[in-house]
Structure formats: C-alpha cells, structure tokens
Amino acid sequence: AAFPYQWIVNNLALATGASGSLDVADGGFFSTRI
C-alpha cells in the first residue's frame, strides 16, 4: 500500500475530498462525539 498512500500524502486536498462527510470536530466537543 506504500506507493498509493504516498500519493495520498502528496495530494491530500484531492484525496480527502469527501472528508467533510465525517463532520470532524464540527460543533461542540461533546455534542459532536455524542
């Protein structure tokens, strides 16, 4: 998996294009985790 994951690191903005669906730390500390 090394070579493709190296590509991910080098193209992080494109590779994480769907990460908004995670709602990472979107809102209060407790409310997001709940």
PDB file of all heavy atoms in Angstrom:
ATOM      1  N   ALA A   1       0.806  -1.226   0.000  1.00  0.00           N
ATOM      2  CA  ALA A   1       0.000   0.000   0.000  1.00  0.00           C
ATOM      3  C   ALA A   1       0.836   1.272   0.000  1.00  0.00           C
ATOM      4  O   ALA A   1       0.281   2.370  -0.105  1.00  0.00           O
ATOM      5  CB  ALA A   1      -0.929   0.002   1.220  1.00  0.00           C
ATOM      6  N   ALA A   2       2.159   1.156   0.093  1.00  0.00           N
ATOM      7  CA  ALA A   2       3.010   2.328   0.320  1.00  0.00           C
ATOM      8  C   ALA A   2       2.891   3.374  -0.786  1.00  0.00           C
ATOM      9  O   ALA A   2       2.712   4.572  -0.507  1.00  0.00           O
ATOM     10  CB  ALA A   2       4.457   1.881   0.484  1.00  0.00           C
ATOM     11  N   PHE A   3       3.011   2.951  -2.052  1.00  0.00           N
ATOM     12  CA  PHE A   3       3.040   3.927  -3.140  1.00  0.00           C
ATOM     13  C   PHE A   3       1.727   4.702  -3.255  1.00  0.00           C
ATOM     14  O   PHE A   3       1.734   5.931  -3.324  1.00  0.00           O
ATOM     15  CB  PHE A   3       3.389   3.227  -4.451  1.00  0.00           C
ATOM     16  CG  PHE A   3       3.556   4.166  -5.621  1.00  0.00           C
ATOM     17  CD1 PHE A   3       4.242   5.363  -5.481  1.00  0.00           C
ATOM     18  CD2 PHE A   3       3.023   3.845  -6.858  1.00  0.00           C
ATOM     19  CE1 PHE A   3       4.397   6.234  -6.556  1.00  0.00           C
ATOM     20  CE2 PHE A   3       3.165   4.705  -7.936  1.00  0.00           C
ATOM     21  CZ  PHE A   3       3.852   5.897  -7.782  1.00  0.00           C
ATOM     22  N   PRO A   4       0.561   4.036  -3.278  1.00  0.00           N
ATOM     23  CA  PRO A   4      -0.693   4.796  -3.311  1.00  0.00           C
ATOM     24  C   PRO A   4      -0.884   5.709  -2.107  1.00  0.00           C
ATOM     25  O   PRO A   4      -1.395   6.825  -2.241  1.00  0.00           O
ATOM     26  CB  PRO A   4      -1.770   3.702  -3.354  1.00  0.00           C
ATOM     27  CG  PRO A   4      -1.082   2.540  -3.991  1.00  0.00           C
ATOM     28  CD  PRO A   4       0.308   2.587  -3.463  1.00  0.00           C
ATOM     29  N   TYR A   5      -0.461   5.270  -0.935  1.00  0.00           N
ATOM     30  CA  TYR A   5      -0.635   6.129   0.243  1.00  0.00           C
ATOM     31  C   TYR A   5       0.347   7.294   0.223  1.00  0.00           C
ATOM     32  O   TYR A   5       0.065   8.360   0.782  1.00  0.00           O
ATOM     33  CB  TYR A   5      -0.504   5.302   1.523  1.00  0.00           C
ATOM     34  CG  TYR A   5      -1.797   4.598   1.882  1.00  0.00           C
ATOM     35  CD1 TYR A   5      -2.197   3.434   1.221  1.00  0.00           C
ATOM     36  CD2 TYR A   5      -2.651   5.106   2.850  1.00  0.00           C
ATOM     37  CE1 TYR A   5      -3.380   2.798   1.522  1.00  0.00           C
ATOM     38  CE2 TYR A   5      -3.844   4.475   3.168  1.00  0.00           C
ATOM     39  CZ  TYR A   5      -4.204   3.316   2.491  1.00  0.00           C
ATOM     40  OH  TYR A   5      -5.388   2.695   2.794  1.00  0.00           O
ATOM     41  N   GLN A   6       1.482   7.105  -0.407  1.00  0.00           N
ATOM     42  CA  GLN A   6       2.385   8.244  -0.606  1.00  0.00           C
ATOM     43  C   GLN A   6       1.727   9.265  -1.528  1.00  0.00           C
ATOM     44  O   GLN A   6       1.841  10.479  -1.310  1.00  0.00           O
ATOM     45  CB  GLN A   6       3.710   7.768  -1.199  1.00  0.00           C
ATOM     46  CG  GLN A   6       4.718   8.907  -1.402  1.00  0.00           C
ATOM     47  CD  GLN A   6       5.997   8.426  -2.072  1.00  0.00           C
ATOM     48  OE1 GLN A   6       6.035   7.341  -2.638  1.00  0.00           O
ATOM     49  NE2 GLN A   6       7.033   9.243  -2.008  1.00  0.00           N
ATOM     50  N   TRP A   7       1.012   8.786  -2.554  1.00  0.00           N
ATOM     51  CA  TRP A   7       0.278   9.695  -3.440  1.00  0.00           C
ATOM     52  C   TRP A   7      -0.762  10.471  -2.643  1.00  0.00           C
ATOM     53  O   TRP A   7      -0.973  11.667  -2.876  1.00  0.00           O
ATOM     54  CB  TRP A   7      -0.395   8.896  -4.552  1.00  0.00           C
ATOM     55  CG  TRP A   7      -1.164   9.745  -5.521  1.00  0.00           C
ATOM     56  CD1 TRP A   7      -0.697  10.277  -6.682  1.00  0.00           C
ATOM     57  CD2 TRP A   7      -2.524  10.184  -5.400  1.00  0.00           C
ATOM     58  NE1 TRP A   7      -1.681  11.027  -7.295  1.00  0.00           N
ATOM     59  CE2 TRP A   7      -2.818  10.980  -6.527  1.00  0.00           C
ATOM     60  CE3 TRP A   7      -3.519   9.990  -4.447  1.00  0.00           C
ATOM     61  CZ2 TRP A   7      -4.057  11.574  -6.720  1.00  0.00           C
ATOM     62  CZ3 TRP A   7      -4.765  10.581  -4.644  1.00  0.00           C
ATOM     63  CH2 TRP A   7      -5.024  11.367  -5.770  1.00  0.00           C
ATOM     64  N   ILE A   8      -1.423   9.810  -1.710  1.00  0.00           N
ATOM     65  CA  ILE A   8      -2.432  10.481  -0.881  1.00  0.00           C
ATOM     66  C   ILE A   8      -1.795  11.622  -0.099  1.00  0.00           C
ATOM     67  O   ILE A   8      -2.331  12.732  -0.042  1.00  0.00           O
ATOM     68  CB  ILE A   8      -3.090   9.465   0.077  1.00  0.00           C
ATOM     69  CG1 ILE A   8      -3.941   8.473  -0.710  1.00  0.00           C
ATOM     70  CG2 ILE A   8      -3.940  10.176   1.127  1.00  0.00           C
ATOM     71  CD1 ILE A   8      -4.428   7.306   0.121  1.00  0.00           C
ATOM     72  N   VAL A   9      -0.650  11.365   0.498  1.00  0.00           N
ATOM     73  CA  VAL A   9       0.041  12.410   1.269  1.00  0.00           C
ATOM     74  C   VAL A   9       0.425  13.579   0.374  1.00  0.00           C
ATOM     75  O   VAL A   9       0.283  14.746   0.758  1.00  0.00           O
ATOM     76  CB  VAL A   9       1.292  11.817   1.953  1.00  0.00           C
ATOM     77  CG1 VAL A   9       2.119  12.917   2.604  1.00  0.00           C
ATOM     78  CG2 VAL A   9       0.876  10.773   2.990  1.00  0.00           C
ATOM     79  N   ASN A  10       0.862  13.288  -0.844  1.00  0.00           N
ATOM     80  CA  ASN A  10       1.296  14.343  -1.762  1.00  0.00           C
ATOM     81  C   ASN A  10       0.130  15.084  -2.406  1.00  0.00           C
ATOM     82  O   ASN A  10       0.317  16.162  -2.971  1.00  0.00           O
ATOM     83  CB  ASN A  10       2.187  13.757  -2.860  1.00  0.00           C
ATOM     84  CG  ASN A  10       3.485  13.208  -2.315  1.00  0.00           C
ATOM     85  OD1 ASN A  10       3.948  13.623  -1.254  1.00  0.00           O
ATOM     86  ND2 ASN A  10       4.079  12.264  -3.032  1.00  0.00           N
ATOM     87  N   ASN A  11      -1.081  14.482  -2.373  1.00  0.00           N
ATOM     88  CA  ASN A  11      -2.271  15.101  -2.975  1.00  0.00           C
ATOM     89  C   ASN A  11      -3.414  15.103  -1.956  1.00  0.00           C
ATOM     90  O   ASN A  11      -4.518  14.660  -2.237  1.00  0.00           O
ATOM     91  CB  ASN A  11      -2.688  14.335  -4.231  1.00  0.00           C
ATOM     92  CG  ASN A  11      -1.614  14.329  -5.294  1.00  0.00           C
ATOM     93  OD1 ASN A  11      -1.557  15.204  -6.154  1.00  0.00           O
ATOM     94  ND2 ASN A  11      -0.753  13.317  -5.256  1.00  0.00           N
ATOM     95  N   LEU A  12      -3.123  15.633  -0.786  1.00  0.00           N
ATOM     96  CA  LEU A  12      -4.036  15.489   0.344  1.00  0.00           C
ATOM     97  C   LEU A  12      -5.377  16.164   0.094  1.00  0.00           C
ATOM     98  O   LEU A  12      -6.432  15.623   0.451  1.00  0.00           O
ATOM     99  CB  LEU A  12      -3.387  16.067   1.605  1.00  0.00           C
ATOM    100  CG  LEU A  12      -3.952  15.579   2.938  1.00  0.00           C
ATOM    101  CD1 LEU A  12      -3.877  14.065   3.028  1.00  0.00           C
ATOM    102  CD2 LEU A  12      -3.204  16.222   4.097  1.00  0.00           C
ATOM    103  N   ALA A  13      -5.370  17.336  -0.523  1.00  0.00           N
ATOM    104  CA  ALA A  13      -6.628  18.054  -0.748  1.00  0.00           C
ATOM    105  C   ALA A  13      -7.570  17.260  -1.642  1.00  0.00           C
ATOM    106  O   ALA A  13      -8.771  17.152  -1.380  1.00  0.00           O
ATOM    107  CB  ALA A  13      -6.348  19.423  -1.361  1.00  0.00           C
ATOM    108  N   LEU A  14      -7.033  16.675  -2.713  1.00  0.00           N
ATOM    109  CA  LEU A  14      -7.855  15.878  -3.622  1.00  0.00           C
ATOM    110  C   LEU A  14      -8.256  14.551  -2.987  1.00  0.00           C
ATOM    111  O   LEU A  14      -9.399  14.111  -3.105  1.00  0.00           O
ATOM    112  CB  LEU A  14      -7.092  15.618  -4.922  1.00  0.00           C
ATOM    113  CG  LEU A  14      -7.806  14.793  -5.995  1.00  0.00           C
ATOM    114  CD1 LEU A  14      -9.120  15.446  -6.407  1.00  0.00           C
ATOM    115  CD2 LEU A  14      -6.900  14.602  -7.201  1.00  0.00           C
ATOM    116  N   ALA A  15      -7.318  13.915  -2.277  1.00  0.00           N
ATOM    117  CA  ALA A  15      -7.582  12.599  -1.697  1.00  0.00           C
ATOM    118  C   ALA A  15      -8.587  12.649  -0.563  1.00  0.00           C
ATOM    119  O   ALA A  15      -9.254  11.657  -0.272  1.00  0.00           O
ATOM    120  CB  ALA A  15      -6.278  11.979  -1.202  1.00  0.00           C
ATOM    121  N   THR A  16      -8.710  13.786   0.101  1.00  0.00           N
ATOM    122  CA  THR A  16      -9.658  13.912   1.217  1.00  0.00           C
ATOM    123  C   THR A  16     -10.872  14.720   0.813  1.00  0.00           C
ATOM    124  O   THR A  16     -11.536  15.328   1.651  1.00  0.00           O
ATOM    125  CB  THR A  16      -8.989  14.566   2.437  1.00  0.00           C
ATOM    126  OG1 THR A  16      -8.489  15.864   2.056  1.00  0.00           O
ATOM    127  CG2 THR A  16      -7.844  13.720   2.953  1.00  0.00           C
ATOM    128  N   GLY A  17     -11.200  14.675  -0.469  1.00  0.00           N
ATOM    129  CA  GLY A  17     -12.312  15.479  -0.971  1.00  0.00           C
ATOM    130  C   GLY A  17     -13.648  15.141  -0.359  1.00  0.00           C
ATOM    131  O   GLY A  17     -14.558  15.957  -0.347  1.00  0.00           O
ATOM    132  N   ALA A  18     -13.816  13.923   0.180  1.00  0.00           N
ATOM    133  CA  ALA A  18     -15.089  13.527   0.786  1.00  0.00           C
ATOM    134  C   ALA A  18     -15.036  13.558   2.297  1.00  0.00           C
ATOM    135  O   ALA A  18     -15.973  13.143   2.964  1.00  0.00           O
ATOM    136  CB  ALA A  18     -15.470  12.119   0.328  1.00  0.00           C
ATOM    137  N   SER A  19     -13.950  14.082   2.896  1.00  0.00           N
ATOM    138  CA  SER A  19     -13.809  14.018   4.338  1.00  0.00           C
ATOM    139  C   SER A  19     -14.804  14.889   5.072  1.00  0.00           C
ATOM    140  O   SER A  19     -15.026  14.721   6.262  1.00  0.00           O
ATOM    141  CB  SER A  19     -12.386  14.411   4.750  1.00  0.00           C
ATOM    142  OG  SER A  19     -12.118  15.750   4.372  1.00  0.00           O
ATOM    143  N   GLY A  20     -15.424  15.834   4.371  1.00  0.00           N
ATOM    144  CA  GLY A  20     -16.426  16.662   5.023  1.00  0.00           C
ATOM    145  C   GLY A  20     -17.596  15.860   5.540  1.00  0.00           C
ATOM    146  O   GLY A  20     -18.293  16.270   6.471  1.00  0.00           O
ATOM    147  N   SER A  21     -17.825  14.683   4.951  1.00  0.00           N
ATOM    148  CA  SER A  21     -18.930  13.845   5.418  1.00  0.00           C
ATOM    149  C   SER A  21     -18.670  13.273   6.794  1.00  0.00           C
ATOM    150  O   SER A  21     -19.577  12.745   7.433  1.00  0.00           O
ATOM    151  CB  SER A  21     -19.167  12.698   4.429  1.00  0.00           C
ATOM    152  OG  SER A  21     -18.017  11.894   4.315  1.00  0.00           O
ATOM    153  N   LEU A  22     -17.409  13.359   7.262  1.00  0.00           N
ATOM    154  CA  LEU A  22     -17.105  12.871   8.592  1.00  0.00           C
ATOM    155  C   LEU A  22     -17.582  13.826   9.677  1.00  0.00           C
ATOM    156  O   LEU A  22     -17.758  13.434  10.824  1.00  0.00           O
ATOM    157  CB  LEU A  22     -15.588  12.670   8.754  1.00  0.00           C
ATOM    158  CG  LEU A  22     -14.939  11.583   7.894  1.00  0.00           C
ATOM    159  CD1 LEU A  22     -13.429  11.692   8.015  1.00  0.00           C
ATOM    160  CD2 LEU A  22     -15.401  10.215   8.327  1.00  0.00           C
ATOM    161  N   ASP A  23     -17.771  15.101   9.333  1.00  0.00           N
ATOM    162  CA  ASP A  23     -18.091  16.129  10.317  1.00  0.00           C
ATOM    163  C   ASP A  23     -17.078  16.113  11.456  1.00  0.00           C
ATOM    164  O   ASP A  23     -17.418  16.072  12.628  1.00  0.00           O
ATOM    165  CB  ASP A  23     -19.502  15.935  10.883  1.00  0.00           C
ATOM    166  CG  ASP A  23     -20.574  16.330   9.888  1.00  0.00           C
ATOM    167  OD1 ASP A  23     -20.231  17.022   8.925  1.00  0.00           O
ATOM    168  OD2 ASP A  23     -21.732  15.943  10.086  1.00  0.00           O
ATOM    169  N   VAL A  24     -15.795  16.103  11.127  1.00  0.00           N
ATOM    170  CA  VAL A  24     -14.752  16.056  12.136  1.00  0.00           C
ATOM    171  C   VAL A  24     -14.723  17.377  12.901  1.00  0.00           C
ATOM    172  O   VAL A  24     -14.557  18.448  12.326  1.00  0.00           O
ATOM    173  CB  VAL A  24     -13.374  15.784  11.494  1.00  0.00           C
ATOM    174  CG1 VAL A  24     -12.298  15.787  12.552  1.00  0.00           C
ATOM    175  CG2 VAL A  24     -13.406  14.455  10.756  1.00  0.00           C
ATOM    176  N   ALA A  25     -14.904  17.271  14.226  1.00  0.00           N
ATOM    177  CA  ALA A  25     -14.864  18.430  15.118  1.00  0.00           C
ATOM    178  C   ALA A  25     -15.762  19.557  14.640  1.00  0.00           C
ATOM    179  O   ALA A  25     -15.434  20.717  14.744  1.00  0.00           O
ATOM    180  CB  ALA A  25     -13.417  18.920  15.265  1.00  0.00           C
ATOM    181  N   ASP A  26     -16.898  19.207  14.082  1.00  0.00           N
ATOM    182  CA  ASP A  26     -17.847  20.194  13.601  1.00  0.00           C
ATOM    183  C   ASP A  26     -18.904  20.415  14.678  1.00  0.00           C
ATOM    184  O   ASP A  26     -19.849  19.645  14.810  1.00  0.00           O
ATOM    185  CB  ASP A  26     -18.497  19.705  12.301  1.00  0.00           C
ATOM    186  CG  ASP A  26     -19.454  20.736  11.714  1.00  0.00           C
ATOM    187  OD1 ASP A  26     -19.363  21.906  12.127  1.00  0.00           O
ATOM    188  OD2 ASP A  26     -20.285  20.353  10.869  1.00  0.00           O
ATOM    189  N   GLY A  27     -18.742  21.458  15.480  1.00  0.00           N
ATOM    190  CA  GLY A  27     -19.655  21.692  16.589  1.00  0.00           C
ATOM    191  C   GLY A  27     -18.913  21.588  17.905  1.00  0.00           C
ATOM    192  O   GLY A  27     -17.685  21.606  17.973  1.00  0.00           O
ATOM    193  N   GLY A  28     -19.674  21.464  18.995  1.00  0.00           N
ATOM    194  CA  GLY A  28     -19.075  21.388  20.303  1.00  0.00           C
ATOM    195  C   GLY A  28     -18.341  20.078  20.528  1.00  0.00           C
ATOM    196  O   GLY A  28     -18.593  19.073  19.865  1.00  0.00           O
ATOM    197  N   PHE A  29     -17.425  20.098  21.488  1.00  0.00           N
ATOM    198  CA  PHE A  29     -16.607  18.923  21.786  1.00  0.00           C
ATOM    199  C   PHE A  29     -17.476  17.715  22.106  1.00  0.00           C
ATOM    200  O   PHE A  29     -17.300  16.628  21.551  1.00  0.00           O
ATOM    201  CB  PHE A  29     -15.670  19.229  22.954  1.00  0.00           C
ATOM    202  CG  PHE A  29     -14.751  18.103  23.321  1.00  0.00           C
ATOM    203  CD1 PHE A  29     -13.517  17.977  22.719  1.00  0.00           C
ATOM    204  CD2 PHE A  29     -15.133  17.154  24.268  1.00  0.00           C
ATOM    205  CE1 PHE A  29     -12.670  16.927  23.052  1.00  0.00           C
ATOM    206  CE2 PHE A  29     -14.293  16.100  24.602  1.00  0.00           C
ATOM    207  CZ  PHE A  29     -13.060  15.992  24.000  1.00  0.00           C
ATOM    208  N   PHE A  30     -18.418  17.880  23.015  1.00  0.00           N
ATOM    209  CA  PHE A  30     -19.247  16.756  23.443  1.00  0.00           C
ATOM    210  C   PHE A  30     -20.371  16.453  22.450  1.00  0.00           C
ATOM    211  O   PHE A  30     -20.691  15.300  22.196  1.00  0.00           O
ATOM    212  CB  PHE A  30     -19.828  17.039  24.832  1.00  0.00           C
ATOM    213  CG  PHE A  30     -18.799  17.044  25.921  1.00  0.00           C
ATOM    214  CD1 PHE A  30     -18.376  18.236  26.489  1.00  0.00           C
ATOM    215  CD2 PHE A  30     -18.221  15.859  26.371  1.00  0.00           C
ATOM    216  CE1 PHE A  30     -17.419  18.248  27.482  1.00  0.00           C
ATOM    217  CE2 PHE A  30     -17.255  15.865  27.365  1.00  0.00           C
ATOM    218  CZ  PHE A  30     -16.849  17.064  27.931  1.00  0.00           C
ATOM    219  N   SER A  31     -20.974  17.491  21.885  1.00  0.00           N
ATOM    220  CA  SER A  31     -22.118  17.269  21.003  1.00  0.00           C
ATOM    221  C   SER A  31     -21.714  16.494  19.758  1.00  0.00           C
ATOM    222  O   SER A  31     -22.456  15.628  19.280  1.00  0.00           O
ATOM    223  CB  SER A  31     -22.760  18.604  20.619  1.00  0.00           C
ATOM    224  OG  SER A  31     -21.839  19.420  19.910  1.00  0.00           O
ATOM    225  N   THR A  32     -20.520  16.791  19.207  1.00  0.00           N
ATOM    226  CA  THR A  32     -20.058  16.084  18.016  1.00  0.00           C
ATOM    227  C   THR A  32     -19.849  14.605  18.314  1.00  0.00           C
ATOM    228  O   THR A  32     -20.262  13.733  17.538  1.00  0.00           O
ATOM    229  CB  THR A  32     -18.742  16.698  17.508  1.00  0.00           C
ATOM    230  OG1 THR A  32     -18.961  18.063  17.174  1.00  0.00           O
ATOM    231  CG2 THR A  32     -18.233  15.960  16.291  1.00  0.00           C
ATOM    232  N   ARG A  33     -19.218  14.316  19.444  1.00  0.00           N
ATOM    233  CA  ARG A  33     -18.937  12.914  19.780  1.00  0.00           C
ATOM    234  C   ARG A  33     -20.212  12.154  20.156  1.00  0.00           C
ATOM    235  O   ARG A  33     -20.356  10.978  19.814  1.00  0.00           O
ATOM    236  CB  ARG A  33     -17.921  12.872  20.926  1.00  0.00           C
ATOM    237  CG  ARG A  33     -16.513  13.242  20.441  1.00  0.00           C
ATOM    238  CD  ARG A  33     -15.592  13.703  21.539  1.00  0.00           C
ATOM    239  NE  ARG A  33     -14.245  13.934  21.006  1.00  0.00           N
ATOM    240  CZ  ARG A  33     -13.890  15.050  20.372  1.00  0.00           C
ATOM    241  NH1 ARG A  33     -14.787  16.017  20.179  1.00  0.00           N
ATOM    242  NH2 ARG A  33     -12.653  15.190  19.927  1.00  0.00           N
ATOM    243  N   ILE A  34     -21.129  12.816  20.825  1.00  0.00           N
ATOM    244  CA  ILE A  34     -22.408  12.175  21.140  1.00  0.00           C
ATOM    245  C   ILE A  34     -23.171  11.873  19.856  1.00  0.00           C
ATOM    246  O   ILE A  34     -23.757  10.797  19.694  1.00  0.00           O
ATOM    247  CB  ILE A  34     -23.240  13.064  22.083  1.00  0.00           C
ATOM    248  CG1 ILE A  34     -22.581  13.113  23.465  1.00  0.00           C
ATOM    249  CG2 ILE A  34     -24.672  12.542  22.196  1.00  0.00           C
ATOM    250  CD1 ILE A  34     -23.222  14.093  24.414  1.00  0.00           C
TER     251      ILE A  34
END
